[in-house]
């Protein structure tokens, strides 16, 4: 019975895909995965990432849509400051 839990930032790529079964099978941890979308993933990609996490053995997966917050609290200030125009 697994009592210790871990939350893994999960992209669905090679490295994080290795981590799910490793943490579950080798370390005996209950793995919960999270993917934060800051604008780089479509709804279809989010769905595929969730399926992959669960297939690899994650106990649960959560997709967090942070597109608006990422823009409003970060990116827009870089644009306002014309940060790319040295």
Protein backbone atom coordinates (compact mmCIF):
# COMPACT_ATOMS: atom_id res chain seq x y z
CA UNK A 1 0.00 0.00 0.00
CA UNK A 2 1.44 3.35 -1.05
CA UNK A 3 1.22 6.10 1.57
CA UNK A 4 3.82 8.56 0.36
CA UNK A 5 2.67 10.80 -2.46
CA UNK A 6 4.54 12.95 -4.93
CA UNK A 7 3.38 15.59 -7.39
CA UNK A 8 5.31 15.55 -10.65
CA UNK A 9 5.36 18.43 -13.14
CA UNK A 10 4.60 16.40 -16.27
CA UNK A 11 5.14 17.44 -19.89
CA UNK A 12 4.71 14.03 -21.45
CA UNK A 13 8.25 14.10 -22.80
CA UNK A 14 10.94 11.47 -22.38
CA UNK A 15 12.26 12.63 -19.00
CA UNK A 16 8.96 13.03 -17.19
CA UNK A 17 7.57 9.89 -18.82
CA UNK A 18 10.48 7.97 -17.30
CA UNK A 19 9.84 9.51 -13.88
CA UNK A 20 6.26 8.26 -13.44
CA UNK A 21 6.98 4.49 -13.47
CA UNK A 22 10.34 5.02 -11.73
CA UNK A 23 8.81 6.90 -8.82
CA UNK A 24 5.90 4.48 -8.62
CA UNK A 25 7.69 1.16 -9.06
CA UNK A 26 11.20 1.81 -7.76
CA UNK A 27 10.46 4.31 -4.99
CA UNK A 28 6.98 3.08 -4.02
CA UNK A 29 5.40 6.52 -4.32
CA UNK A 30 1.86 7.41 -5.35
CA UNK A 31 2.47 9.71 -8.33
CA UNK A 32 0.12 12.57 -9.22
CA UNK A 33 1.00 14.55 -12.34
CA UNK A 34 0.31 18.17 -13.24
CA UNK A 35 0.78 20.02 -16.52
CA UNK A 36 0.56 23.83 -16.57
CA UNK A 37 -0.38 25.17 -20.00
CA UNK A 38 1.01 28.65 -20.55
CA UNK A 39 -0.07 28.68 -24.17
CA UNK A 40 2.03 25.99 -25.78
CA UNK A 41 -0.49 23.14 -25.89
CA UNK A 42 -3.77 22.62 -27.73
CA UNK A 43 -6.76 20.94 -26.06
CA UNK A 44 -5.96 17.77 -28.01
CA UNK A 45 -2.34 17.81 -26.79
CA UNK A 46 -3.51 18.33 -23.20
CA UNK A 47 -5.78 15.30 -23.54
CA UNK A 48 -2.96 13.16 -24.96
CA UNK A 49 -0.61 14.22 -22.16
CA UNK A 50 -3.21 13.25 -19.56
CA UNK A 51 -3.76 9.86 -21.23
CA UNK A 52 0.00 9.25 -21.28
CA UNK A 53 0.41 10.10 -17.59
CA UNK A 54 -2.37 7.73 -16.57
CA UNK A 55 -1.12 4.98 -18.90
CA UNK A 56 2.32 5.24 -17.30
CA UNK A 57 0.81 4.72 -13.86
CA UNK A 58 -0.02 8.13 -12.42
CA UNK A 59 -2.79 7.96 -9.82
CA UNK A 60 -4.23 11.21 -11.17
CA UNK A 61 -3.43 13.99 -13.61
CA UNK A 62 -4.44 17.65 -13.64
CA UNK A 63 -4.16 20.10 -16.53
CA UNK A 64 -4.01 23.72 -15.39
CA UNK A 65 -4.81 26.43 -17.92
CA UNK A 66 -2.61 29.40 -17.00
CA UNK A 67 -2.60 31.18 -20.38
CA UNK A 68 -4.40 34.33 -19.23
CA UNK A 69 -2.60 34.57 -15.90
CA UNK A 70 0.80 34.00 -17.54
CA UNK A 71 0.12 36.82 -19.99
CA UNK A 72 -1.46 39.21 -17.47
CA UNK A 73 1.18 38.77 -14.76
CA UNK A 74 4.28 38.43 -16.87
CA UNK A 75 4.37 38.62 -20.65
CA UNK A 76 2.40 41.85 -21.02
CA UNK A 77 4.94 43.73 -18.88
CA UNK A 78 7.75 42.55 -21.14
CA UNK A 79 5.78 43.88 -24.10
CA UNK A 80 4.98 47.18 -22.35
CA UNK A 81 8.65 47.64 -21.54
CA UNK A 82 9.64 46.93 -25.14
CA UNK A 83 12.08 44.48 -23.61
CA UNK A 84 13.05 42.95 -26.96
CA UNK A 85 14.14 46.29 -28.43
CA UNK A 86 17.64 46.72 -27.02
